[in-house]
Amino acid sequence: MSNRGEISLDSIKSEWNRVLDLLLDADRIAWLAFFDARLVSLDGNRLLISFADVTKLGGEHNFRAARNPKYLALLTDAIHQVYGIDVEVIEE
């Protein structure tokens, strides 16, 4: 899937477990940081993710300030490995 024109949010969602598997192989803590992220939108090269879930803890867990920047780098690398695209991950 290296042709950006073919990548949609739905196609990313359909293979998201492959991204998470790569993340788990790279760093279990990074996997824990993102495993319950909800994919919200893909606008160009910007992938918006959210941790809001009304079924968990009455809202969201927002650990953005505490999340190690290397975890985000590992996530974007895993996305690149699976889809062949470079994205900027934006946390909602």
C-alpha atoms as a PDB file:
ATOM      1  CA  MET A   1       0.000   0.000   0.000  1.00  0.00           C
ATOM      2  CA  SER A   2       2.556   2.600  -0.964  1.00  0.00           C
ATOM      3  CA  ASN A   3       0.366   4.726  -3.232  1.00  0.00           C
ATOM      4  CA  ARG A   4      -1.000   7.512  -1.011  1.00  0.00           C
ATOM      5  CA  GLY A   5      -3.991   7.958  -3.312  1.00  0.00           C
ATOM      6  CA  GLU A   6      -5.240   4.526  -2.311  1.00  0.00           C
ATOM      7  CA  ILE A   7      -4.996   5.066   1.436  1.00  0.00           C
ATOM      8  CA  SER A   8      -8.177   6.012   3.231  1.00  0.00           C
ATOM      9  CA  LEU A   9      -9.124   6.075   6.873  1.00  0.00           C
ATOM     10  CA  ASP A  10     -11.095   2.872   6.335  1.00  0.00           C
ATOM     11  CA  SER A  11      -8.085   1.109   4.846  1.00  0.00           C
ATOM     12  CA  ILE A  12      -5.940   2.208   7.786  1.00  0.00           C
ATOM     13  CA  LYS A  13      -8.588   0.970  10.208  1.00  0.00           C
ATOM     14  CA  SER A  14      -8.794  -2.383   8.440  1.00  0.00           C
ATOM     15  CA  GLU A  15      -5.079  -3.051   8.981  1.00  0.00           C
ATOM     16  CA  TRP A  16      -4.603  -1.193  12.285  1.00  0.00           C
ATOM     17  CA  ASN A  17      -3.861  -4.403  14.174  1.00  0.00           C
ATOM     18  CA  ARG A  18      -0.754  -4.848  12.014  1.00  0.00           C
ATOM     19  CA  VAL A  19       0.423  -1.417  13.152  1.00  0.00           C
ATOM     20  CA  LEU A  20      -0.253  -2.326  16.772  1.00  0.00           C
ATOM     21  CA  ASP A  21       1.600  -5.635  16.376  1.00  0.00           C
ATOM     22  CA  LEU A  22       4.679  -3.813  15.089  1.00  0.00           C
ATOM     23  CA  LEU A  23       4.404  -1.336  17.920  1.00  0.00           C
ATOM     24  CA  LEU A  24       4.182  -4.173  20.453  1.00  0.00           C
ATOM     25  CA  ASP A  25       7.280  -5.788  18.934  1.00  0.00           C
ATOM     26  CA  ALA A  26       9.168  -2.484  19.164  1.00  0.00           C
ATOM     27  CA  ASP A  27       8.120  -1.362  22.648  1.00  0.00           C
ATOM     28  CA  ARG A  28       5.390  -2.737  24.904  1.00  0.00           C
ATOM     29  CA  ILE A  29       4.949   0.590  26.710  1.00  0.00           C
ATOM     30  CA  ALA A  30       4.446   2.367  23.375  1.00  0.00           C
ATOM     31  CA  TRP A  31       1.837  -0.245  22.492  1.00  0.00           C
ATOM     32  CA  LEU A  32       0.080   0.398  25.801  1.00  0.00           C
ATOM     33  CA  ALA A  33       0.124   4.132  25.076  1.00  0.00           C
ATOM     34  CA  PHE A  34      -1.781   3.723  21.800  1.00  0.00           C
ATOM     35  CA  PHE A  35      -3.620   0.396  21.798  1.00  0.00           C
ATOM     36  CA  ASP A  36      -7.001   1.940  22.598  1.00  0.00           C
ATOM     37  CA  ALA A  37      -6.674   5.013  20.404  1.00  0.00           C
ATOM     38  CA  ARG A  38      -9.637   5.589  18.110  1.00  0.00           C
ATOM     39  CA  LEU A  39      -8.811   6.593  14.546  1.00  0.00           C
ATOM     40  CA  VAL A  40     -10.883   9.703  13.859  1.00  0.00           C
ATOM     41  CA  SER A  41      -9.820  11.123  10.509  1.00  0.00           C
ATOM     42  CA  LEU A  42      -7.126  11.223   7.860  1.00  0.00           C
ATOM     43  CA  ASP A  43      -6.641  14.601   6.219  1.00  0.00           C
ATOM     44  CA  GLY A  44      -3.721  14.578   3.831  1.00  0.00           C
ATOM     45  CA  ASN A  45      -0.840  13.297   5.910  1.00  0.00           C
ATOM     46  CA  ARG A  46      -2.476  14.133   9.271  1.00  0.00           C
ATOM     47  CA  LEU A  47      -3.969  11.217  11.169  1.00  0.00           C
ATOM     48  CA  LEU A  48      -6.209  12.334  14.019  1.00  0.00           C
ATOM     49  CA  ILE A  49      -6.541   9.913  16.916  1.00  0.00           C
ATOM     50  CA  SER A  50      -8.675  10.167  20.036  1.00  0.00           C
ATOM     51  CA  PHE A  51      -8.738   8.460  23.387  1.00  0.00           C
ATOM     52  CA  ALA A  52     -12.276   9.583  24.219  1.00  0.00           C
ATOM     53  CA  ASP A  53     -14.503   6.609  25.003  1.00  0.00           C
ATOM     54  CA  VAL A  54     -17.686   7.082  26.924  1.00  0.00           C
ATOM     55  CA  THR A  55     -17.681   3.432  27.973  1.00  0.00           C
ATOM     56  CA  LYS A  56     -14.382   3.727  29.850  1.00  0.00           C
ATOM     57  CA  LEU A  57     -13.898   5.686  33.030  1.00  0.00           C
ATOM     58  CA  GLY A  58     -16.658   8.093  32.112  1.00  0.00           C
ATOM     59  CA  GLY A  59     -14.593   9.823  29.437  1.00  0.00           C
ATOM     60  CA  GLU A  60     -11.076   9.873  28.155  1.00  0.00           C
ATOM     61  CA  HIS A  61      -7.594   9.281  29.421  1.00  0.00           C
ATOM     62  CA  ASN A  62      -5.372  12.111  28.369  1.00  0.00           C
ATOM     63  CA  PHE A  63      -1.772  11.231  29.054  1.00  0.00           C
ATOM     64  CA  ARG A  64      -0.426  13.339  26.197  1.00  0.00           C
ATOM     65  CA  ALA A  65       1.774  15.430  28.497  1.00  0.00           C
ATOM     66  CA  ALA A  66       3.254  12.308  30.097  1.00  0.00           C
ATOM     67  CA  ARG A  67       3.654  10.283  26.884  1.00  0.00           C
ATOM     68  CA  ASN A  68       7.256   9.870  25.818  1.00  0.00           C
ATOM     69  CA  PRO A  69       7.813  11.465  22.370  1.00  0.00           C
ATOM     70  CA  LYS A  70       9.675   8.333  21.274  1.00  0.00           C
ATOM     71  CA  TYR A  71       6.371   6.423  21.440  1.00  0.00           C
ATOM     72  CA  LEU A  72       4.832   8.712  18.854  1.00  0.00           C
ATOM     73  CA  ALA A  73       7.909   8.204  16.666  1.00  0.00           C
ATOM     74  CA  LEU A  74       7.529   4.426  17.006  1.00  0.00           C
ATOM     75  CA  LEU A  75       3.855   4.706  16.051  1.00  0.00           C
ATOM     76  CA  THR A  76       4.552   6.765  12.937  1.00  0.00           C
ATOM     77  CA  ASP A  77       7.322   4.325  11.973  1.00  0.00           C
ATOM     78  CA  ALA A  78       4.938   1.364  12.322  1.00  0.00           C
ATOM     79  CA  ILE A  79       2.355   3.184  10.186  1.00  0.00           C
ATOM     80  CA  HIS A  80       5.020   3.782   7.553  1.00  0.00           C
ATOM     81  CA  GLN A  81       6.041   0.106   7.598  1.00  0.00           C
ATOM     82  CA  VAL A  82       2.468  -1.105   7.085  1.00  0.00           C
ATOM     83  CA  TYR A  83       1.127   1.517   4.657  1.00  0.00           C
ATOM     84  CA  GLY A  84       4.240   3.036   3.100  1.00  0.00           C
ATOM     85  CA  ILE A  85       3.124   6.531   4.041  1.00  0.00           C
ATOM     86  CA  ASP A  86       4.458   9.201   6.369  1.00  0.00           C
ATOM     87  CA  VAL A  87       1.841  10.720   8.631  1.00  0.00           C
ATOM     88  CA  GLU A  88       1.727  13.261  11.389  1.00  0.00           C
ATOM     89  CA  VAL A  89      -0.274  11.804  14.255  1.00  0.00           C
ATOM     90  CA  ILE A  90      -2.415  14.396  16.016  1.00  0.00           C
ATOM     91  CA  GLU A  91      -3.949  13.535  19.362  1.00  0.00           C
ATOM     92  CA  GLU A  92      -7.433  14.873  20.057  1.00  0.00           C
END
